[in-house]
Full PDB file with SEQRES, HELIX, SHEET, SSBOND, CRYST1, ORIGX, SCALE, CONECT and MASTER records, all heavy atoms in Angstrom:
SEQRES   1 A   36  SER ARG ASP ASN ALA LYS ASN THR VAL TYR LEU GLN MET          
SEQRES   2 A   36  THR SER LEU LYS PRO GLU ASP THR ALA VAL TYR TYR CYS          
SEQRES   3 A   36  ALA ALA ASP ALA THR SER THR ALA HIS ILE                      
HELIX    1 AA1 PRO A   18  ASP A   20  5                                   3    
CRYST1    1.000    1.000    1.000  90.00  90.00  90.00 P 1           1          
ORIGX1      1.000000  0.000000  0.000000        0.00000                         
ORIGX2      0.000000  1.000000  0.000000        0.00000                         
ORIGX3      0.000000  0.000000  1.000000        0.00000                         
SCALE1      1.000000  0.000000  0.000000        0.00000                         
SCALE2      0.000000  1.000000  0.000000        0.00000                         
SCALE3      0.000000  0.000000  1.000000        0.00000                         
ATOM      1  N   SER A   1       6.008   2.483  -5.079  1.00  0.00           N  
ATOM      2  CA  SER A   1       6.096   3.887  -5.097  1.00  0.00           C  
ATOM      3  C   SER A   1       5.035   4.465  -4.181  1.00  0.00           C  
ATOM      4  O   SER A   1       4.216   3.763  -3.669  1.00  0.00           O  
ATOM      5  CB  SER A   1       5.826   4.382  -6.415  1.00  0.00           C  
ATOM      6  OG  SER A   1       4.526   4.073  -7.114  1.00  0.00           O  
ATOM      7  N   ARG A   2       5.122   5.730  -3.909  1.00  0.00           N  
ATOM      8  CA  ARG A   2       4.088   6.382  -2.964  1.00  0.00           C  
ATOM      9  C   ARG A   2       3.835   7.764  -3.562  1.00  0.00           C  
ATOM     10  O   ARG A   2       4.577   8.605  -4.023  1.00  0.00           O  
ATOM     11  CB  ARG A   2       4.609   6.406  -1.571  1.00  0.00           C  
ATOM     12  CG  ARG A   2       5.827   7.316  -1.323  1.00  0.00           C  
ATOM     13  CD  ARG A   2       6.355   6.993   0.024  1.00  0.00           C  
ATOM     14  NE  ARG A   2       5.387   7.406   1.076  1.00  0.00           N  
ATOM     15  CZ  ARG A   2       5.440   7.038   2.296  1.00  0.00           C  
ATOM     16  NH1 ARG A   2       6.379   6.050   2.726  1.00  0.00           N  
ATOM     17  NH2 ARG A   2       4.493   7.416   3.203  1.00  0.00           N  
ATOM     18  N   ASP A   3       2.582   8.115  -3.346  1.00  0.00           N  
ATOM     19  CA  ASP A   3       2.154   9.569  -3.653  1.00  0.00           C  
ATOM     20  C   ASP A   3       1.714  10.141  -2.393  1.00  0.00           C  
ATOM     21  O   ASP A   3       0.428   9.837  -1.983  1.00  0.00           O  
ATOM     22  CB  ASP A   3       0.986   9.386  -4.726  1.00  0.00           C  
ATOM     23  CG  ASP A   3       0.704  10.826  -5.175  1.00  0.00           C  
ATOM     24  OD1 ASP A   3       0.953  11.847  -4.513  1.00  0.00           O  
ATOM     25  OD2 ASP A   3      -0.076  11.037  -6.280  1.00  0.00           O  
ATOM     26  N   ASN A   4       2.434  10.911  -1.629  1.00  0.00           N  
ATOM     27  CA  ASN A   4       2.007  11.390  -0.442  1.00  0.00           C  
ATOM     28  C   ASN A   4       0.806  12.357  -0.411  1.00  0.00           C  
ATOM     29  O   ASN A   4       0.150  12.586   0.508  1.00  0.00           O  
ATOM     30  CB  ASN A   4       3.272  12.072   0.211  1.00  0.00           C  
ATOM     31  CG  ASN A   4       4.291  11.020   0.724  1.00  0.00           C  
ATOM     32  OD1 ASN A   4       3.957   9.841   0.848  1.00  0.00           O  
ATOM     33  ND2 ASN A   4       5.519  11.421   0.890  1.00  0.00           N  
ATOM     34  N   ALA A   5       0.751  13.013  -1.504  1.00  0.00           N  
ATOM     35  CA  ALA A   5      -0.361  13.918  -1.605  1.00  0.00           C  
ATOM     36  C   ALA A   5      -1.746  13.226  -1.765  1.00  0.00           C  
ATOM     37  O   ALA A   5      -2.730  13.708  -1.395  1.00  0.00           O  
ATOM     38  CB  ALA A   5      -0.292  14.763  -3.020  1.00  0.00           C  
ATOM     39  N   LYS A   6      -1.706  11.919  -2.102  1.00  0.00           N  
ATOM     40  CA  LYS A   6      -2.913  11.062  -2.221  1.00  0.00           C  
ATOM     41  C   LYS A   6      -2.936  10.068  -0.970  1.00  0.00           C  
ATOM     42  O   LYS A   6      -3.841   9.252  -0.918  1.00  0.00           O  
ATOM     43  CB  LYS A   6      -2.996  10.318  -3.538  1.00  0.00           C  
ATOM     44  CG  LYS A   6      -3.180  11.274  -4.679  1.00  0.00           C  
ATOM     45  CD  LYS A   6      -3.221  10.388  -5.981  1.00  0.00           C  
ATOM     46  CE  LYS A   6      -3.487  11.362  -7.208  1.00  0.00           C  
ATOM     47  NZ  LYS A   6      -3.550  10.480  -8.395  1.00  0.00           N  
ATOM     48  N   ASN A   7      -1.952  10.088  -0.215  1.00  0.00           N  
ATOM     49  CA  ASN A   7      -1.861   9.240   1.011  1.00  0.00           C  
ATOM     50  C   ASN A   7      -2.088   7.689   0.500  1.00  0.00           C  
ATOM     51  O   ASN A   7      -2.700   6.880   0.988  1.00  0.00           O  
ATOM     52  CB  ASN A   7      -3.097   9.480   1.925  1.00  0.00           C  
ATOM     53  CG  ASN A   7      -2.829  10.709   2.747  1.00  0.00           C  
ATOM     54  OD1 ASN A   7      -1.756  11.433   2.566  1.00  0.00           O  
ATOM     55  ND2 ASN A   7      -3.694  10.947   3.834  1.00  0.00           N  
ATOM     56  N   THR A   8      -1.345   7.452  -0.626  1.00  0.00           N  
ATOM     57  CA  THR A   8      -1.440   6.086  -1.202  1.00  0.00           C  
ATOM     58  C   THR A   8      -0.061   5.665  -1.638  1.00  0.00           C  
ATOM     59  O   THR A   8       0.892   6.335  -2.058  1.00  0.00           O  
ATOM     60  CB  THR A   8      -2.242   6.133  -2.547  1.00  0.00           C  
ATOM     61  OG1 THR A   8      -3.467   6.758  -2.131  1.00  0.00           O  
ATOM     62  CG2 THR A   8      -2.401   4.823  -3.141  1.00  0.00           C  
ATOM     63  N   VAL A   9       0.073   4.241  -1.341  1.00  0.00           N  
ATOM     64  CA  VAL A   9       1.345   3.622  -1.803  1.00  0.00           C  
ATOM     65  C   VAL A   9       0.761   2.485  -2.872  1.00  0.00           C  
ATOM     66  O   VAL A   9      -0.248   1.974  -2.780  1.00  0.00           O  
ATOM     67  CB  VAL A   9       1.985   2.966  -0.649  1.00  0.00           C  
ATOM     68  CG1 VAL A   9       1.159   1.860   0.017  1.00  0.00           C  
ATOM     69  CG2 VAL A   9       3.438   2.280  -1.082  1.00  0.00           C  
ATOM     70  N   TYR A  10       1.764   2.325  -3.895  1.00  0.00           N  
ATOM     71  CA  TYR A  10       1.322   1.435  -5.059  1.00  0.00           C  
ATOM     72  C   TYR A  10       2.467   0.326  -5.027  1.00  0.00           C  
ATOM     73  O   TYR A  10       3.607   0.451  -4.667  1.00  0.00           O  
ATOM     74  CB  TYR A  10       1.394   2.209  -6.290  1.00  0.00           C  
ATOM     75  CG  TYR A  10       0.544   3.353  -6.269  1.00  0.00           C  
ATOM     76  CD1 TYR A  10       1.009   4.657  -6.054  1.00  0.00           C  
ATOM     77  CD2 TYR A  10      -0.792   3.227  -6.685  1.00  0.00           C  
ATOM     78  CE1 TYR A  10       0.218   5.718  -6.043  1.00  0.00           C  
ATOM     79  CE2 TYR A  10      -1.598   4.291  -6.708  1.00  0.00           C  
ATOM     80  CZ  TYR A  10      -1.118   5.673  -6.387  1.00  0.00           C  
ATOM     81  OH  TYR A  10      -2.006   6.759  -6.460  1.00  0.00           O  
ATOM     82  N   LEU A  11       1.907  -0.818  -5.674  1.00  0.00           N  
ATOM     83  CA  LEU A  11       2.895  -1.769  -6.055  1.00  0.00           C  
ATOM     84  C   LEU A  11       2.579  -2.251  -7.506  1.00  0.00           C  
ATOM     85  O   LEU A  11       1.501  -2.731  -7.736  1.00  0.00           O  
ATOM     86  CB  LEU A  11       2.684  -3.013  -5.165  1.00  0.00           C  
ATOM     87  CG  LEU A  11       3.623  -4.141  -5.472  1.00  0.00           C  
ATOM     88  CD1 LEU A  11       5.179  -3.825  -5.027  1.00  0.00           C  
ATOM     89  CD2 LEU A  11       3.356  -5.485  -4.731  1.00  0.00           C  
ATOM     90  N   GLN A  12       3.407  -1.790  -8.398  1.00  0.00           N  
ATOM     91  CA  GLN A  12       3.385  -2.086  -9.820  1.00  0.00           C  
ATOM     92  C   GLN A  12       3.931  -3.344 -10.020  1.00  0.00           C  
ATOM     93  O   GLN A  12       5.247  -3.552  -9.890  1.00  0.00           O  
ATOM     94  CB  GLN A  12       3.887  -1.021 -10.699  1.00  0.00           C  
ATOM     95  CG  GLN A  12       3.904  -1.249 -12.175  1.00  0.00           C  
ATOM     96  CD  GLN A  12       2.502  -1.108 -12.745  1.00  0.00           C  
ATOM     97  OE1 GLN A  12       1.701  -0.271 -12.491  1.00  0.00           O  
ATOM     98  NE2 GLN A  12       2.024  -2.184 -13.401  1.00  0.00           N  
ATOM     99  N   MET A  13       3.303  -4.304 -10.513  1.00  0.00           N  
ATOM    100  CA  MET A  13       3.760  -5.668 -10.708  1.00  0.00           C  
ATOM    101  C   MET A  13       3.684  -5.983 -12.220  1.00  0.00           C  
ATOM    102  O   MET A  13       2.577  -5.835 -12.846  1.00  0.00           O  
ATOM    103  CB  MET A  13       2.806  -6.752 -10.036  1.00  0.00           C  
ATOM    104  CG  MET A  13       2.634  -6.404  -8.476  1.00  0.00           C  
ATOM    105  SD  MET A  13       1.695  -7.664  -7.669  1.00  0.00           S  
ATOM    106  CE  MET A  13       0.188  -7.409  -8.391  1.00  0.00           C  
ATOM    107  N   THR A  14       4.797  -6.451 -12.800  1.00  0.00           N  
ATOM    108  CA  THR A  14       4.940  -6.800 -14.099  1.00  0.00           C  
ATOM    109  C   THR A  14       5.573  -8.145 -14.234  1.00  0.00           C  
ATOM    110  O   THR A  14       6.149  -8.736 -13.417  1.00  0.00           O  
ATOM    111  CB  THR A  14       5.882  -5.766 -14.933  1.00  0.00           C  
ATOM    112  OG1 THR A  14       7.150  -5.739 -14.352  1.00  0.00           O  
ATOM    113  CG2 THR A  14       5.247  -4.345 -14.819  1.00  0.00           C  
ATOM    114  N   SER A  15       5.472  -8.693 -15.435  1.00  0.00           N  
ATOM    115  CA  SER A  15       6.025 -10.008 -15.744  1.00  0.00           C  
ATOM    116  C   SER A  15       5.531 -11.084 -14.582  1.00  0.00           C  
ATOM    117  O   SER A  15       6.282 -11.853 -14.134  1.00  0.00           O  
ATOM    118  CB  SER A  15       7.609  -9.958 -15.766  1.00  0.00           C  
ATOM    119  OG  SER A  15       7.924  -9.118 -16.796  1.00  0.00           O  
ATOM    120  N   LEU A  16       4.277 -10.890 -14.451  1.00  0.00           N  
ATOM    121  CA  LEU A  16       3.717 -11.764 -13.211  1.00  0.00           C  
ATOM    122  C   LEU A  16       3.827 -13.312 -13.620  1.00  0.00           C  
ATOM    123  O   LEU A  16       3.825 -13.649 -14.730  1.00  0.00           O  
ATOM    124  CB  LEU A  16       2.436 -11.363 -13.003  1.00  0.00           C  
ATOM    125  CG  LEU A  16       2.171 -10.097 -12.236  1.00  0.00           C  
ATOM    126  CD1 LEU A  16       0.687  -9.596 -12.393  1.00  0.00           C  
ATOM    127  CD2 LEU A  16       2.566 -10.297 -10.826  1.00  0.00           C  
ATOM    128  N   LYS A  17       4.079 -14.032 -12.608  1.00  0.00           N  
ATOM    129  CA  LYS A  17       4.267 -15.580 -12.709  1.00  0.00           C  
ATOM    130  C   LYS A  17       3.133 -16.158 -11.763  1.00  0.00           C  
ATOM    131  O   LYS A  17       2.668 -15.501 -10.850  1.00  0.00           O  
ATOM    132  CB  LYS A  17       5.675 -15.937 -12.262  1.00  0.00           C  
ATOM    133  CG  LYS A  17       6.815 -15.315 -12.903  1.00  0.00           C  
ATOM    134  CD  LYS A  17       8.134 -15.555 -12.320  1.00  0.00           C  
ATOM    135  CE  LYS A  17       9.217 -14.829 -12.888  1.00  0.00           C  
ATOM    136  NZ  LYS A  17      10.474 -15.190 -12.222  1.00  0.00           N  
ATOM    137  N   PRO A  18       2.713 -17.311 -12.159  1.00  0.00           N  
ATOM    138  CA  PRO A  18       1.843 -18.079 -11.329  1.00  0.00           C  
ATOM    139  C   PRO A  18       2.347 -18.162  -9.799  1.00  0.00           C  
ATOM    140  O   PRO A  18       1.361 -18.128  -8.971  1.00  0.00           O  
ATOM    141  CB  PRO A  18       1.866 -19.526 -11.821  1.00  0.00           C  
ATOM    142  CG  PRO A  18       2.131 -19.287 -13.333  1.00  0.00           C  
ATOM    143  CD  PRO A  18       3.128 -18.221 -13.270  1.00  0.00           C  
ATOM    144  N   GLU A  19       3.551 -18.310  -9.548  1.00  0.00           N  
ATOM    145  CA  GLU A  19       4.056 -18.287  -8.143  1.00  0.00           C  
ATOM    146  C   GLU A  19       3.850 -16.923  -7.442  1.00  0.00           C  
ATOM    147  O   GLU A  19       4.092 -16.762  -6.221  1.00  0.00           O  
ATOM    148  CB  GLU A  19       5.536 -18.665  -8.115  1.00  0.00           C  
ATOM    149  CG  GLU A  19       6.368 -17.874  -9.034  1.00  0.00           C  
ATOM    150  CD  GLU A  19       6.732 -18.751 -10.230  1.00  0.00           C  
ATOM    151  OE1 GLU A  19       5.730 -19.164 -10.882  1.00  0.00           O  
ATOM    152  OE2 GLU A  19       7.952 -18.661 -10.707  1.00  0.00           O  
ATOM    153  N   ASP A  20       3.458 -15.899  -8.215  1.00  0.00           N  
ATOM    154  CA  ASP A  20       3.088 -14.596  -7.513  1.00  0.00           C  
ATOM    155  C   ASP A  20       1.665 -14.588  -6.835  1.00  0.00           C  
ATOM    156  O   ASP A  20       1.354 -13.637  -6.229  1.00  0.00           O  
ATOM    157  CB  ASP A  20       3.245 -13.466  -8.476  1.00  0.00           C  
ATOM    158  CG  ASP A  20       4.668 -13.153  -8.902  1.00  0.00           C  
ATOM    159  OD1 ASP A  20       5.636 -13.303  -8.174  1.00  0.00           O  
ATOM    160  OD2 ASP A  20       4.870 -12.914 -10.162  1.00  0.00           O  
ATOM    161  N   THR A  21       0.997 -15.722  -7.221  1.00  0.00           N  
ATOM    162  CA  THR A  21      -0.492 -15.709  -6.712  1.00  0.00           C  
ATOM    163  C   THR A  21      -0.404 -15.792  -5.157  1.00  0.00           C  
ATOM    164  O   THR A  21       0.300 -16.530  -4.464  1.00  0.00           O  
ATOM    165  CB  THR A  21      -0.988 -17.045  -7.277  1.00  0.00           C  
ATOM    166  OG1 THR A  21      -1.261 -16.908  -8.582  1.00  0.00           O  
ATOM    167  CG2 THR A  21      -2.366 -17.220  -6.531  1.00  0.00           C  
ATOM    168  N   ALA A  22      -1.109 -14.799  -4.479  1.00  0.00           N  
ATOM    169  CA  ALA A  22      -1.084 -14.586  -3.218  1.00  0.00           C  
ATOM    170  C   ALA A  22      -2.042 -13.620  -2.714  1.00  0.00           C  
ATOM    171  O   ALA A  22      -2.634 -12.793  -3.539  1.00  0.00           O  
ATOM    172  CB  ALA A  22       0.256 -14.245  -2.668  1.00  0.00           C  
ATOM    173  N   VAL A  23      -2.317 -13.536  -1.459  1.00  0.00           N  
ATOM    174  CA  VAL A  23      -3.019 -12.303  -0.888  1.00  0.00           C  
ATOM    175  C   VAL A  23      -1.968 -11.209  -0.565  1.00  0.00           C  
ATOM    176  O   VAL A  23      -0.963 -11.595   0.044  1.00  0.00           O  
ATOM    177  CB  VAL A  23      -3.756 -12.700   0.359  1.00  0.00           C  
ATOM    178  CG1 VAL A  23      -4.318 -11.337   0.864  1.00  0.00           C  
ATOM    179  CG2 VAL A  23      -4.893 -13.678   0.047  1.00  0.00           C  
ATOM    180  N   TYR A  24      -2.057 -10.145  -1.041  1.00  0.00           N  
ATOM    181  CA  TYR A  24      -0.937  -9.020  -0.860  1.00  0.00           C  
ATOM    182  C   TYR A  24      -1.540  -8.032   0.130  1.00  0.00           C  
ATOM    183  O   TYR A  24      -2.651  -7.598   0.089  1.00  0.00           O  
ATOM    184  CB  TYR A  24      -0.833  -8.367  -2.262  1.00  0.00           C  
ATOM    185  CG  TYR A  24       0.060  -8.989  -3.174  1.00  0.00           C  
ATOM    186  CD1 TYR A  24      -0.423 -10.240  -3.795  1.00  0.00           C  
ATOM    187  CD2 TYR A  24       1.372  -8.665  -3.330  1.00  0.00           C  
ATOM    188  CE1 TYR A  24       0.449 -11.045  -4.666  1.00  0.00           C  
ATOM    189  CE2 TYR A  24       2.140  -9.504  -4.200  1.00  0.00           C  
ATOM    190  CZ  TYR A  24       1.657 -10.608  -4.825  1.00  0.00           C  
ATOM    191  OH  TYR A  24       2.501 -11.341  -5.734  1.00  0.00           O  
ATOM    192  N   TYR A  25      -0.665  -7.899   1.186  1.00  0.00           N  
ATOM    193  CA  TYR A  25      -1.018  -6.916   2.276  1.00  0.00           C  
ATOM    194  C   TYR A  25      -0.237  -5.723   2.195  1.00  0.00           C  
ATOM    195  O   TYR A  25       1.113  -5.689   2.085  1.00  0.00           O  
ATOM    196  CB  TYR A  25      -0.867  -7.706   3.595  1.00  0.00           C  
ATOM    197  CG  TYR A  25      -1.652  -8.851   3.792  1.00  0.00           C  
ATOM    198  CD1 TYR A  25      -1.261 -10.222   3.273  1.00  0.00           C  
ATOM    199  CD2 TYR A  25      -2.827  -8.870   4.310  1.00  0.00           C  
ATOM    200  CE1 TYR A  25      -2.094 -11.361   3.548  1.00  0.00           C  
ATOM    201  CE2 TYR A  25      -3.725  -9.887   4.597  1.00  0.00           C  
ATOM    202  CZ  TYR A  25      -3.155 -11.213   4.168  1.00  0.00           C  
ATOM    203  OH  TYR A  25      -4.023 -12.367   4.358  1.00  0.00           O  
ATOM    204  N   CYS A  26      -0.933  -4.616   2.445  1.00  0.00           N  
ATOM    205  CA  CYS A  26      -0.124  -3.329   2.667  1.00  0.00           C  
ATOM    206  C   CYS A  26       0.176  -3.248   4.153  1.00  0.00           C  
ATOM    207  O   CYS A  26      -0.479  -3.761   5.068  1.00  0.00           O  
ATOM    208  CB  CYS A  26      -1.213  -2.201   2.386  1.00  0.00           C  
ATOM    209  SG  CYS A  26      -0.421  -0.571   2.471  1.00  0.00           S  
ATOM    210  N   ALA A  27       1.302  -2.546   4.325  1.00  0.00           N  
ATOM    211  CA  ALA A  27       1.774  -2.333   5.697  1.00  0.00           C  
ATOM    212  C   ALA A  27       2.353  -0.913   5.991  1.00  0.00           C  
ATOM    213  O   ALA A  27       2.850  -0.360   5.035  1.00  0.00           O  
ATOM    214  CB  ALA A  27       2.903  -3.455   6.027  1.00  0.00           C  
ATOM    215  N   ALA A  28       2.369  -0.615   7.191  1.00  0.00           N  
ATOM    216  CA  ALA A  28       2.881   0.723   7.634  1.00  0.00           C  
ATOM    217  C   ALA A  28       3.696   0.601   8.846  1.00  0.00           C  
ATOM    218  O   ALA A  28       3.368  -0.154   9.670  1.00  0.00           O  
ATOM    219  CB  ALA A  28       1.732   1.811   7.762  1.00  0.00           C  
ATOM    220  N   ASP A  29       4.727   1.401   8.924  1.00  0.00           N  
ATOM    221  CA  ASP A  29       5.557   1.458  10.186  1.00  0.00           C  
ATOM    222  C   ASP A  29       6.057   2.884  10.417  1.00  0.00           C  
ATOM    223  O   ASP A  29       6.418   3.601   9.529  1.00  0.00           O  
ATOM    224  CB  ASP A  29       6.788   0.552   9.963  1.00  0.00           C  
ATOM    225  CG  ASP A  29       7.525   0.383  11.341  1.00  0.00           C  
ATOM    226  OD1 ASP A  29       8.450   1.140  11.561  1.00  0.00           O  
ATOM    227  OD2 ASP A  29       7.274  -0.678  11.931  1.00  0.00           O  
ATOM    228  N   ALA A  30       6.046   3.203  11.696  1.00  0.00           N  
ATOM    229  CA  ALA A  30       6.272   4.571  12.163  1.00  0.00           C  
ATOM    230  C   ALA A  30       7.733   4.845  12.142  1.00  0.00           C  
ATOM    231  O   ALA A  30       8.212   6.010  12.167  1.00  0.00           O  
ATOM    232  CB  ALA A  30       5.630   4.844  13.560  1.00  0.00           C  
ATOM    233  N   THR A  31       8.648   3.942  11.905  1.00  0.00           N  
ATOM    234  CA  THR A  31      10.060   3.967  12.119  1.00  0.00           C  
ATOM    235  C   THR A  31      10.792   4.028  10.737  1.00  0.00           C  
ATOM    236  O   THR A  31      11.398   5.070  10.313  1.00  0.00           O  
ATOM    237  CB  THR A  31      10.563   2.909  12.972  1.00  0.00           C  
ATOM    238  OG1 THR A  31      10.060   3.031  14.369  1.00  0.00           O  
ATOM    239  CG2 THR A  31      12.182   3.235  13.183  1.00  0.00           C  
ATOM    240  N   SER A  32      10.766   2.845  10.027  1.00  0.00           N  
ATOM    241  CA  SER A  32      11.682   2.649   8.840  1.00  0.00           C  
ATOM    242  C   SER A  32      11.290   1.407   7.999  1.00  0.00           C  
ATOM    243  O   SER A  32      10.605   0.619   8.429  1.00  0.00           O  
ATOM    244  CB  SER A  32      13.199   2.520   9.342  1.00  0.00           C  
ATOM    245  OG  SER A  32      13.330   1.487   9.990  1.00  0.00           O  
ATOM    246  N   THR A  33      12.013   1.409   6.896  1.00  0.00           N  
ATOM    247  CA  THR A  33      11.689   0.266   6.087  1.00  0.00           C  
ATOM    248  C   THR A  33      12.475  -0.913   6.705  1.00  0.00           C  
ATOM    249  O   THR A  33      12.029  -2.017   6.544  1.00  0.00           O  
ATOM    250  CB  THR A  33      12.390   0.515   4.685  1.00  0.00           C  
ATOM    251  OG1 THR A  33      13.748   0.913   4.736  1.00  0.00           O  
ATOM    252  CG2 THR A  33      11.515   1.554   4.047  1.00  0.00           C  
ATOM    253  N   ALA A  34      13.472  -0.703   7.387  1.00  0.00           N  
ATOM    254  CA  ALA A  34      14.178  -1.767   8.146  1.00  0.00           C  
ATOM    255  C   ALA A  34      13.250  -2.432   9.103  1.00  0.00           C  
ATOM    256  O   ALA A  34      13.389  -3.672   9.207  1.00  0.00           O  
ATOM    257  CB  ALA A  34      15.433  -1.252   8.831  1.00  0.00           C  
ATOM    258  N   HIS A  35      12.501  -1.628   9.870  1.00  0.00           N  
ATOM    259  CA  HIS A  35      11.661  -2.293  10.734  1.00  0.00           C  
ATOM    260  C   HIS A  35      10.519  -3.065  10.053  1.00  0.00           C  
ATOM    261  O   HIS A  35      10.070  -4.220  10.671  1.00  0.00           O  
ATOM    262  CB  HIS A  35      11.044  -1.175  11.682  1.00  0.00           C  
ATOM    263  CG  HIS A  35      11.864  -0.716  12.774  1.00  0.00           C  
ATOM    264  ND1 HIS A  35      11.347  -0.089  14.025  1.00  0.00           N  
ATOM    265  CD2 HIS A  35      13.088  -0.746  12.911  1.00  0.00           C  
ATOM    266  CE1 HIS A  35      12.382   0.202  14.657  1.00  0.00           C  
ATOM    267  NE2 HIS A  35      13.531  -0.231  14.168  1.00  0.00           N  
ATOM    268  N   ILE A  36       9.976  -2.671   8.993  1.00  0.00           N  
ATOM    269  CA  ILE A  36       9.060  -3.349   8.023  1.00  0.00           C  
ATOM    270  C   ILE A  36       9.632  -4.809   7.898  1.00  0.00           C  
ATOM    271  O   ILE A  36       9.039  -5.703   7.981  1.00  0.00           O  
ATOM    272  CB  ILE A  36       8.628  -2.579   6.866  1.00  0.00           C  
ATOM    273  CG1 ILE A  36       7.907  -1.407   7.232  1.00  0.00           C  
ATOM    274  CG2 ILE A  36       7.899  -3.461   5.976  1.00  0.00           C  
ATOM    275  CD1 ILE A  36       7.304  -0.553   6.156  1.00  0.00           C  
TER     276      ILE A  36                                                      
MASTER        0    0    0    1    0    0    0    6  275    1    0    3          
END                                                                             
């Protein structure tokens, strides 16, 4: 989700599994989600 008033994007993670263990990186693209 995103809150444009706060210039913030969120990732709400539920039902987490050990295989979700990772470094999580935020990303931005000037064009589209398809480009991401």
